[in-house]
Amino acid sequence: MSDAAGKSRVAAARARAASAKIAMVGAAALAFVWAMVLARATHPGKASGASSPSTAVSSSSESESSFEGSDDYGSVQMAPAQSVPQVSTGSS
């Protein structure tokens, strides 16, 4: 095999590799855009239709009067802290 034939085979292989890289980058970009479009279309927070704001308004005197006799007006109640369960590994 001559030296010129070996160089042309290498050049051809490099050209094929470059074409394959370009095709892979294009396919990856297309897949990324498709995934973003699909994610946007199926996002659970997307409104399915026009919604109107609530028109129910309560007066402040009604809400304040319900707390007049209460000691915990404005307080926040939290659940007690829970410990992490212990995990045992091994066999018996």
N, C-alpha and C. Protein backbone atom coordinates (compact mmCIF):
# COMPACT_ATOMS: atom_id res chain seq x y z
N MET A 1 0.85 -1.16 0.00
CA MET A 1 0.00 0.00 0.00
C MET A 1 0.90 1.22 0.00
N SER A 2 0.59 2.18 -0.84
CA SER A 2 1.43 3.36 -0.96
C SER A 2 1.07 4.40 0.09
N ASP A 3 1.94 5.34 0.29
CA ASP A 3 1.75 6.37 1.31
C ASP A 3 0.60 7.31 0.93
N ALA A 4 0.43 7.60 -0.33
CA ALA A 4 -0.64 8.49 -0.80
C ALA A 4 -2.00 7.85 -0.60
N ALA A 5 -2.09 6.55 -0.81
CA ALA A 5 -3.37 5.86 -0.62
C ALA A 5 -3.75 5.85 0.86
N GLY A 6 -2.77 5.71 1.74
CA GLY A 6 -3.05 5.73 3.17
C GLY A 6 -3.52 7.08 3.65
N LYS A 7 -2.94 8.16 3.11
CA LYS A 7 -3.34 9.51 3.49
C LYS A 7 -4.74 9.83 3.01
N SER A 8 -5.09 9.36 1.81
CA SER A 8 -6.43 9.63 1.29
C SER A 8 -7.49 8.88 2.10
N ARG A 9 -7.14 7.68 2.57
CA ARG A 9 -8.08 6.94 3.41
C ARG A 9 -8.29 7.66 4.74
N VAL A 10 -7.21 8.20 5.30
CA VAL A 10 -7.31 8.94 6.56
C VAL A 10 -8.11 10.21 6.36
N ALA A 11 -7.87 10.90 5.26
CA ALA A 11 -8.61 12.14 4.97
C ALA A 11 -10.10 11.84 4.80
N ALA A 12 -10.40 10.74 4.12
CA ALA A 12 -11.80 10.37 3.93
C ALA A 12 -12.46 10.02 5.27
N ALA A 13 -11.71 9.33 6.12
CA ALA A 13 -12.25 8.98 7.43
C ALA A 13 -12.49 10.22 8.27
N ARG A 14 -11.57 11.18 8.21
CA ARG A 14 -11.74 12.43 8.95
C ARG A 14 -12.95 13.21 8.44
N ALA A 15 -13.16 13.18 7.15
CA ALA A 15 -14.32 13.88 6.57
C ALA A 15 -15.63 13.22 7.02
N ARG A 16 -15.64 11.88 7.04
CA ARG A 16 -16.83 11.18 7.52
C ARG A 16 -17.08 11.46 9.00
N ALA A 17 -16.01 11.50 9.79
CA ALA A 17 -16.15 11.79 11.22
C ALA A 17 -16.68 13.20 11.45
N ALA A 18 -16.18 14.15 10.67
CA ALA A 18 -16.66 15.54 10.80
C ALA A 18 -18.13 15.64 10.44
N SER A 19 -18.54 14.93 9.37
CA SER A 19 -19.95 14.93 8.98
C SER A 19 -20.82 14.30 10.05
N ALA A 20 -20.32 13.22 10.63
CA ALA A 20 -21.08 12.55 11.69
C ALA A 20 -21.22 13.45 12.92
N LYS A 21 -20.16 14.18 13.26
CA LYS A 21 -20.23 15.09 14.41
C LYS A 21 -21.26 16.19 14.17
N ILE A 22 -21.25 16.74 12.96
CA ILE A 22 -22.22 17.79 12.63
C ILE A 22 -23.64 17.24 12.71
N ALA A 23 -23.84 16.05 12.19
CA ALA A 23 -25.17 15.44 12.24
C ALA A 23 -25.61 15.16 13.68
N MET A 24 -24.68 14.71 14.52
CA MET A 24 -25.02 14.43 15.92
C MET A 24 -25.37 15.71 16.68
N VAL A 25 -24.63 16.79 16.45
CA VAL A 25 -24.92 18.06 17.11
C VAL A 25 -26.28 18.59 16.64
N GLY A 26 -26.56 18.47 15.38
CA GLY A 26 -27.86 18.90 14.86
C GLY A 26 -29.00 18.09 15.44
N ALA A 27 -28.82 16.78 15.52
CA ALA A 27 -29.86 15.92 16.09
C ALA A 27 -30.06 16.21 17.57
N ALA A 28 -28.97 16.46 18.29
CA ALA A 28 -29.09 16.78 19.72
C ALA A 28 -29.81 18.11 19.92
N ALA A 29 -29.50 19.10 19.09
CA ALA A 29 -30.18 20.39 19.19
C ALA A 29 -31.66 20.26 18.87
N LEU A 30 -31.98 19.49 17.85
CA LEU A 30 -33.38 19.27 17.50
C LEU A 30 -34.12 18.54 18.62
N ALA A 31 -33.49 17.53 19.22
CA ALA A 31 -34.12 16.80 20.33
C ALA A 31 -34.31 17.71 21.54
N PHE A 32 -33.35 18.59 21.81
CA PHE A 32 -33.47 19.52 22.92
C PHE A 32 -34.65 20.46 22.71
N VAL A 33 -34.75 21.05 21.52
CA VAL A 33 -35.85 21.96 21.24
C VAL A 33 -37.18 21.22 21.32
N TRP A 34 -37.24 20.03 20.80
CA TRP A 34 -38.48 19.23 20.85
C TRP A 34 -38.87 18.95 22.30
N ALA A 35 -37.89 18.61 23.15
CA ALA A 35 -38.18 18.33 24.55
C ALA A 35 -38.68 19.58 25.26
N MET A 36 -38.12 20.74 24.95
CA MET A 36 -38.57 21.98 25.59
C MET A 36 -40.00 22.33 25.16
N VAL A 37 -40.30 22.13 23.90
CA VAL A 37 -41.66 22.39 23.42
C VAL A 37 -42.64 21.43 24.09
N LEU A 38 -42.27 20.16 24.18
CA LEU A 38 -43.14 19.18 24.82
C LEU A 38 -43.32 19.50 26.31
N ALA A 39 -42.25 19.88 26.97
CA ALA A 39 -42.35 20.21 28.40
C ALA A 39 -43.23 21.44 28.61
N ARG A 40 -43.12 22.40 27.75
CA ARG A 40 -43.94 23.61 27.88
C ARG A 40 -45.41 23.31 27.62
N ALA A 41 -45.67 22.43 26.67
CA ALA A 41 -47.06 22.11 26.33
C ALA A 41 -47.73 21.28 27.41
N THR A 42 -46.98 20.48 28.13
CA THR A 42 -47.58 19.59 29.13
C THR A 42 -47.31 20.04 30.55
N HIS A 43 -46.87 21.29 30.74
CA HIS A 43 -46.56 21.79 32.08
C HIS A 43 -47.83 21.79 32.93
N PRO A 44 -47.80 21.23 34.15
CA PRO A 44 -49.01 21.14 34.96
C PRO A 44 -49.52 22.50 35.44
N GLY A 45 -48.68 23.50 35.44
CA GLY A 45 -49.10 24.81 35.90
C GLY A 45 -49.75 25.64 34.82
N LYS A 46 -49.83 25.10 33.63
CA LYS A 46 -50.41 25.84 32.52
C LYS A 46 -51.93 25.94 32.69
N ALA A 47 -52.47 27.13 32.49
CA ALA A 47 -53.91 27.34 32.60
C ALA A 47 -54.60 26.72 31.40
N SER A 48 -55.66 25.99 31.66
CA SER A 48 -56.37 25.35 30.56
C SER A 48 -57.36 26.29 29.90
N GLY A 49 -57.71 27.36 30.57
CA GLY A 49 -58.63 28.31 29.99
C GLY A 49 -58.56 29.61 30.76
N ALA A 50 -59.29 30.58 30.30
CA ALA A 50 -59.30 31.87 30.98
C ALA A 50 -60.07 31.74 32.28
N SER A 51 -59.49 32.27 33.33
CA SER A 51 -60.18 32.24 34.61
C SER A 51 -60.40 33.66 35.09
N SER A 52 -61.51 33.88 35.73
CA SER A 52 -61.80 35.21 36.23
C SER A 52 -61.44 35.26 37.71
N PRO A 53 -61.00 36.41 38.18
CA PRO A 53 -60.64 36.52 39.59
C PRO A 53 -61.87 36.41 40.47
N SER A 54 -61.67 35.97 41.68
CA SER A 54 -62.77 35.79 42.61
C SER A 54 -63.35 37.14 42.98
N THR A 55 -64.68 37.21 43.03
CA THR A 55 -65.34 38.46 43.36
C THR A 55 -65.80 38.49 44.80
N ALA A 56 -65.58 37.41 45.55
CA ALA A 56 -66.00 37.38 46.95
C ALA A 56 -65.01 38.18 47.78
N VAL A 57 -65.56 39.20 48.48
CA VAL A 57 -64.73 40.04 49.33
C VAL A 57 -65.38 40.06 50.70
N SER A 58 -64.60 39.74 51.73
CA SER A 58 -65.14 39.82 53.08
C SER A 58 -64.66 41.10 53.73
N SER A 59 -65.51 41.68 54.52
CA SER A 59 -65.12 42.92 55.19
C SER A 59 -64.19 42.60 56.35
N SER A 60 -63.33 43.54 56.68
CA SER A 60 -62.36 43.31 57.75
C SER A 60 -63.03 43.23 59.11
N SER A 61 -64.18 43.85 59.28
CA SER A 61 -64.85 43.80 60.58
C SER A 61 -65.38 42.40 60.86
N GLU A 62 -65.81 41.68 59.81
CA GLU A 62 -66.30 40.32 60.01
C GLU A 62 -65.17 39.38 60.42
N SER A 63 -64.01 39.49 59.75
CA SER A 63 -62.91 38.59 60.04
C SER A 63 -62.28 38.92 61.39
N GLU A 64 -62.25 40.19 61.79
CA GLU A 64 -61.68 40.57 63.07
C GLU A 64 -62.59 40.17 64.21
N SER A 65 -63.90 40.22 63.99
CA SER A 65 -64.82 39.90 65.07
C SER A 65 -64.78 38.42 65.43
N SER A 66 -64.41 37.57 64.50
CA SER A 66 -64.35 36.14 64.79
C SER A 66 -63.16 35.79 65.67
N PHE A 67 -62.17 36.68 65.77
CA PHE A 67 -60.97 36.42 66.57
C PHE A 67 -60.95 37.20 67.89
N GLU A 68 -62.01 37.95 68.19
CA GLU A 68 -61.98 38.80 69.38
C GLU A 68 -61.79 38.02 70.66
N GLY A 69 -62.42 36.89 70.82
CA GLY A 69 -62.32 36.11 72.04
C GLY A 69 -61.22 35.07 72.01
N SER A 70 -60.45 35.04 70.96
CA SER A 70 -59.43 34.00 70.79
C SER A 70 -58.08 34.49 71.29
N ASP A 71 -57.34 33.62 71.98
CA ASP A 71 -56.01 33.95 72.50
C ASP A 71 -54.93 33.75 71.45
N ASP A 72 -55.18 32.95 70.44
CA ASP A 72 -54.14 32.62 69.47
C ASP A 72 -54.29 33.40 68.16
N TYR A 73 -54.78 34.63 68.25
CA TYR A 73 -54.89 35.48 67.06
C TYR A 73 -53.50 35.79 66.52
N GLY A 74 -53.23 35.41 65.30
CA GLY A 74 -51.96 35.68 64.68
C GLY A 74 -50.86 34.69 65.01
N SER A 75 -51.13 33.68 65.79
CA SER A 75 -50.09 32.72 66.13
C SER A 75 -50.02 31.62 65.07
N VAL A 76 -48.89 30.99 65.01
CA VAL A 76 -48.67 29.92 64.06
C VAL A 76 -48.41 28.65 64.84
N GLN A 77 -49.12 27.60 64.48
CA GLN A 77 -48.91 26.32 65.14
C GLN A 77 -48.13 25.42 64.20
N MET A 78 -47.10 24.79 64.76
CA MET A 78 -46.26 23.90 63.95
C MET A 78 -46.26 22.52 64.57
N ALA A 79 -46.09 21.53 63.73
CA ALA A 79 -46.01 20.15 64.20
C ALA A 79 -44.65 19.95 64.88
N PRO A 80 -44.60 19.07 65.89
CA PRO A 80 -43.31 18.80 66.54
C PRO A 80 -42.33 18.15 65.56
N ALA A 81 -41.05 18.37 65.81
CA ALA A 81 -40.02 17.79 64.96
C ALA A 81 -40.03 16.27 65.08
N GLN A 82 -39.79 15.62 63.97
CA GLN A 82 -39.75 14.16 63.98
C GLN A 82 -38.32 13.71 63.73
N SER A 83 -37.94 12.63 64.41
CA SER A 83 -36.59 12.13 64.22
C SER A 83 -36.52 11.25 62.98
N VAL A 84 -35.33 11.13 62.44
CA VAL A 84 -35.10 10.31 61.26
C VAL A 84 -35.09 8.85 61.70
N PRO A 85 -35.83 7.98 61.02
CA PRO A 85 -35.85 6.57 61.42
C PRO A 85 -34.47 5.93 61.22
N GLN A 86 -34.12 5.07 62.13
CA GLN A 86 -32.84 4.39 62.06
C GLN A 86 -32.95 3.21 61.09
N VAL A 87 -31.94 3.07 60.26
CA VAL A 87 -31.94 2.01 59.27
C VAL A 87 -30.85 1.01 59.65
N SER A 88 -31.22 -0.24 59.65
CA SER A 88 -30.26 -1.28 60.00
C SER A 88 -29.92 -2.07 58.75
N THR A 89 -28.63 -2.30 58.54
CA THR A 89 -28.22 -3.09 57.39
C THR A 89 -27.53 -4.34 57.89
N GLY A 90 -27.55 -5.34 57.08
CA GLY A 90 -26.92 -6.59 57.44
C GLY A 90 -27.91 -7.74 57.31
N SER A 91 -27.43 -8.92 57.55
CA SER A 91 -28.31 -10.09 57.47
C SER A 91 -28.23 -10.85 58.78
N SER A 92 -29.29 -11.57 59.04
CA SER A 92 -29.31 -12.36 60.29
C SER A 92 -29.26 -13.83 60.01
